[in-house]
C-alpha atoms as a PDB file:
ATOM      1  CA  MET A   1      40.341 243.679 186.372  1.00  0.00           C
ATOM      2  CA  ASP A   2      40.611 247.422 185.901  1.00  0.00           C
ATOM      3  CA  ASP A   3      43.445 247.490 188.416  1.00  0.00           C
ATOM      4  CA  TYR A   4      45.570 245.220 186.191  1.00  0.00           C
ATOM      5  CA  PRO A   5      45.571 246.541 182.597  1.00  0.00           C
ATOM      6  CA  LEU A   6      48.553 244.355 181.704  1.00  0.00           C
ATOM      7  CA  LEU A   7      46.553 241.265 182.674  1.00  0.00           C
ATOM      8  CA  ASN A   8      43.706 242.450 180.413  1.00  0.00           C
ATOM      9  CA  ILE A   9      46.131 242.782 177.512  1.00  0.00           C
ATOM     10  CA  PHE A  10      47.515 239.324 178.205  1.00  0.00           C
ATOM     11  CA  LEU A  11      44.039 237.763 178.361  1.00  0.00           C
ATOM     12  CA  THR A  12      42.959 239.526 175.180  1.00  0.00           C
ATOM     13  CA  MET A  13      46.051 238.274 173.361  1.00  0.00           C
ATOM     14  CA  MET A  14      45.495 234.763 174.691  1.00  0.00           C
ATOM     15  CA  TRP A  15      41.871 234.720 173.491  1.00  0.00           C
ATOM     16  CA  PHE A  16      42.933 236.124 170.113  1.00  0.00           C
ATOM     17  CA  PHE A  17      45.585 233.426 169.613  1.00  0.00           C
ATOM     18  CA  LEU A  18      43.163 230.714 170.710  1.00  0.00           C
ATOM     19  CA  TRP A  19      40.652 232.052 168.172  1.00  0.00           C
ATOM     20  CA  VAL A  20      43.304 231.984 165.415  1.00  0.00           C
ATOM     21  CA  LEU A  21      44.249 228.429 166.445  1.00  0.00           C
ATOM     22  CA  TRP A  22      40.583 227.432 166.326  1.00  0.00           C
ATOM     23  CA  LEU A  23      40.194 228.865 162.801  1.00  0.00           C
ATOM     24  CA  MET A  24      43.307 227.020 161.642  1.00  0.00           C
ATOM     25  CA  LEU A  25      41.884 223.774 163.034  1.00  0.00           C
ATOM     26  CA  LEU A  26      38.548 224.323 161.263  1.00  0.00           C
ATOM     27  CA  PHE A  27      40.267 225.067 157.943  1.00  0.00           C
ATOM     28  CA  GLN A  28      42.450 221.978 158.323  1.00  0.00           C
ATOM     29  CA  ILE A  29      39.374 219.850 158.968  1.00  0.00           C
ATOM     30  CA  ILE A  30      37.558 221.276 155.940  1.00  0.00           C
ATOM     31  CA  ILE A  31      40.623 220.690 153.752  1.00  0.00           C
ATOM     32  CA  ASP A  32      40.808 217.108 155.021  1.00  0.00           C
ATOM     33  CA  ILE A  33      37.126 216.526 154.295  1.00  0.00           C
ATOM     34  CA  PHE A  34      37.604 217.430 150.641  1.00  0.00           C
ATOM     35  CA  ARG A  35      40.987 215.692 150.363  1.00  0.00           C
ATOM     36  CA  ASP A  36      39.646 212.259 151.339  1.00  0.00           C
ATOM     37  CA  ASP A  37      38.872 210.264 148.185  1.00  0.00           C
ATOM     38  CA  ARG A  38      37.178 207.447 150.127  1.00  0.00           C
ATOM     39  CA  LEU A  39      34.466 209.791 151.411  1.00  0.00           C
ATOM     40  CA  SER A  40      31.403 210.059 149.144  1.00  0.00           C
ATOM     41  CA  GLY A  41      29.948 213.351 148.001  1.00  0.00           C
ATOM     42  CA  TRP A  42      27.114 213.036 150.504  1.00  0.00           C
ATOM     43  CA  GLY A  43      29.598 212.265 153.245  1.00  0.00           C
ATOM     44  CA  LYS A  44      31.631 215.355 152.362  1.00  0.00           C
ATOM     45  CA  ALA A  45      28.490 217.484 152.309  1.00  0.00           C
ATOM     46  CA  GLY A  46      27.313 216.083 155.646  1.00  0.00           C
ATOM     47  CA  TRP A  47      30.616 216.590 157.415  1.00  0.00           C
ATOM     48  CA  SER A  48      30.969 220.091 155.933  1.00  0.00           C
ATOM     49  CA  ILE A  49      27.512 221.146 157.117  1.00  0.00           C
ATOM     50  CA  PHE A  50      28.144 219.606 160.537  1.00  0.00           C
ATOM     51  CA  VAL A  51      31.488 221.407 160.947  1.00  0.00           C
ATOM     52  CA  ILE A  52      30.165 224.751 159.657  1.00  0.00           C
ATOM     53  CA  VAL A  53      26.794 224.804 161.478  1.00  0.00           C
ATOM     54  CA  LEU A  54      28.060 223.401 164.793  1.00  0.00           C
ATOM     55  CA  PRO A  55      31.782 224.204 164.647  1.00  0.00           C
ATOM     56  CA  LEU A  56      32.758 223.236 168.191  1.00  0.00           C
ATOM     57  CA  LEU A  57      30.850 219.956 168.331  1.00  0.00           C
ATOM     58  CA  GLY A  58      31.506 219.194 164.652  1.00  0.00           C
ATOM     59  CA  ALA A  59      35.262 219.659 164.974  1.00  0.00           C
ATOM     60  CA  PHE A  60      35.525 217.493 168.079  1.00  0.00           C
ATOM     61  CA  VAL A  61      33.370 214.715 166.596  1.00  0.00           C
ATOM     62  CA  TYR A  62      35.368 214.845 163.347  1.00  0.00           C
ATOM     63  CA  LEU A  63      38.673 214.632 165.220  1.00  0.00           C
ATOM     64  CA  ILE A  64      37.419 211.698 167.291  1.00  0.00           C
ATOM     65  CA  ALA A  65      35.922 209.830 164.343  1.00  0.00           C
ATOM     66  CA  ARG A  66      38.471 210.581 161.635  1.00  0.00           C
ATOM     67  CA  GLY A  67      41.484 212.127 163.372  1.00  0.00           C
ATOM     68  CA  LYS A  68      43.888 209.234 162.765  1.00  0.00           C
ATOM     69  CA  GLY A  69      43.085 209.129 159.069  1.00  0.00           C
ATOM     70  CA  MET A  70      43.575 212.875 158.922  1.00  0.00           C
ATOM     71  CA  GLY A  71      47.252 212.521 159.765  1.00  0.00           C
ATOM     72  CA  GLU A  72      47.685 209.596 157.384  1.00  0.00           C
ATOM     73  CA  ARG A  73      46.140 211.566 154.508  1.00  0.00           C
ATOM     74  CA  GLU A  74      48.429 214.511 155.244  1.00  0.00           C
ATOM     75  CA  LEU A  75      51.465 212.223 155.188  1.00  0.00           C
ATOM     76  CA  ALA A  76      50.302 210.673 151.904  1.00  0.00           C
ATOM     77  CA  VAL A  77      49.972 214.110 150.307  1.00  0.00           C
ATOM     78  CA  ARG A  78      53.438 215.108 151.476  1.00  0.00           C
ATOM     79  CA  ALA A  79      54.960 211.818 150.307  1.00  0.00           C
ATOM     80  CA  GLY A  80      53.333 212.278 146.904  1.00  0.00           C
ATOM     81  CA  ARG A  81      54.720 215.797 146.595  1.00  0.00           C
ATOM     82  CA  GLU A  82      58.164 214.617 147.633  1.00  0.00           C
ATOM     83  CA  SER A  83      58.174 211.717 145.171  1.00  0.00           C
ATOM     84  CA  ARG A  84      57.063 214.016 142.317  1.00  0.00           C
ATOM     85  CA  TYR A  85      59.849 216.423 143.262  1.00  0.00           C
ATOM     86  CA  TYR A  86      62.492 213.681 143.211  1.00  0.00           C
ATOM     87  CA  GLU A  87      61.163 212.319 139.923  1.00  0.00           C
ATOM     88  CA  ALA A  88      61.452 215.784 138.396  1.00  0.00           C
ATOM     89  CA  VAL A  89      65.005 216.199 139.716  1.00  0.00           C
ATOM     90  CA  GLU A  90      66.040 212.770 138.434  1.00  0.00           C
ATOM     91  CA  HIS A  91      64.482 213.506 135.053  1.00  0.00           C
ATOM     92  CA  ARG A  92      66.292 216.822 134.894  1.00  0.00           C
ATOM     93  CA  LEU A  93      69.620 215.289 135.930  1.00  0.00           C
ATOM     94  CA  GLY A  94      69.189 212.401 133.524  1.00  0.00           C
ATOM     95  CA  ARG A  95      68.551 214.811 130.682  1.00  0.00           C
ATOM     96  CA  THR A  96      71.614 216.879 131.545  1.00  0.00           C
ATOM     97  CA  THR A  97      73.758 213.755 131.798  1.00  0.00           C
ATOM     98  CA  GLY A  98      72.407 212.637 128.438  1.00  0.00           C
ATOM     99  CA  GLN A  99      73.454 215.952 126.902  1.00  0.00           C
ATOM    100  CA  ALA A 100      76.919 215.696 128.457  1.00  0.00           C
ATOM    101  CA  ASP A 101      77.359 212.160 127.127  1.00  0.00           C
ATOM    102  CA  GLU A 102      76.196 213.243 123.679  1.00  0.00           C
ATOM    103  CA  LEU A 103      78.611 216.187 123.632  1.00  0.00           C
ATOM    104  CA  THR A 104      81.482 213.920 124.731  1.00  0.00           C
ATOM    105  CA  ARG A 105      80.655 211.476 121.938  1.00  0.00           C
ATOM    106  CA  LEU A 106      80.544 214.316 119.391  1.00  0.00           C
ATOM    107  CA  ALA A 107      83.901 215.653 120.605  1.00  0.00           C
ATOM    108  CA  ASP A 108      85.425 212.170 120.221  1.00  0.00           C
ATOM    109  CA  LEU A 109      84.066 211.920 116.666  1.00  0.00           C
ATOM    110  CA  LYS A 110      85.525 215.327 115.844  1.00  0.00           C
ATOM    111  CA  ASN A 111      88.903 214.454 117.394  1.00  0.00           C
ATOM    112  CA  HIS A 112      89.091 211.221 115.382  1.00  0.00           C
ATOM    113  CA  GLY A 113      88.376 213.136 112.178  1.00  0.00           C
ATOM    114  CA  GLU A 114      84.976 211.602 111.536  1.00  0.00           C
ATOM    115  CA  LEU A 115      83.241 215.008 111.831  1.00  0.00           C
ATOM    116  CA  THR A 116      84.299 218.343 110.379  1.00  0.00           C
ATOM    117  CA  ALA A 117      84.322 221.421 112.606  1.00  0.00           C
ATOM    118  CA  GLU A 118      81.186 222.690 110.872  1.00  0.00           C
ATOM    119  CA  GLU A 119      79.336 219.382 111.365  1.00  0.00           C
ATOM    120  CA  TYR A 120      80.462 219.281 114.986  1.00  0.00           C
ATOM    121  CA  GLU A 121      79.159 222.807 115.678  1.00  0.00           C
ATOM    122  CA  HIS A 122      75.845 222.016 113.976  1.00  0.00           C
ATOM    123  CA  ALA A 123      75.386 218.774 115.989  1.00  0.00           C
ATOM    124  CA  LYS A 124      76.456 220.488 119.209  1.00  0.00           C
ATOM    125  CA  ALA A 125      73.886 223.254 118.653  1.00  0.00           C
ATOM    126  CA  LYS A 126      71.168 220.608 118.142  1.00  0.00           C
ATOM    127  CA  VAL A 127      72.109 218.792 121.344  1.00  0.00           C
ATOM    128  CA  LEU A 128      72.151 221.998 123.397  1.00  0.00           C
ATOM    129  CA  ALA A 129      68.833 223.144 121.926  1.00  0.00           C
ATOM    130  CA  ARG A 130      67.014 220.097 123.403  1.00  0.00           C
END
């Protein structure tokens, strides 16, 4: 191999990236172990010890035994985050629309002479402060 230093660099980079990929897989498995609510505390402890003490065998056994559920749990977490995001956006938009409707109603009351300019400004300040 000394005749091909570029090949040595390539092989070193390949092994380094495979090592990084392996670490990412182990971290993903450990995260999944603790994310699963159906797994008991003893089950989480057992899987964690198995994956940490025998990482190669533990990771492959975990992926074979619980790999399908791993993807489903990840999708459930993402769906939950997405639904919370949309709920927050809808709440925010609903609140803004409520303020706009309130300001329109106050402007109509002022235009019809039911509110003075001072009362209108006071009510408008209260609506915008919410």
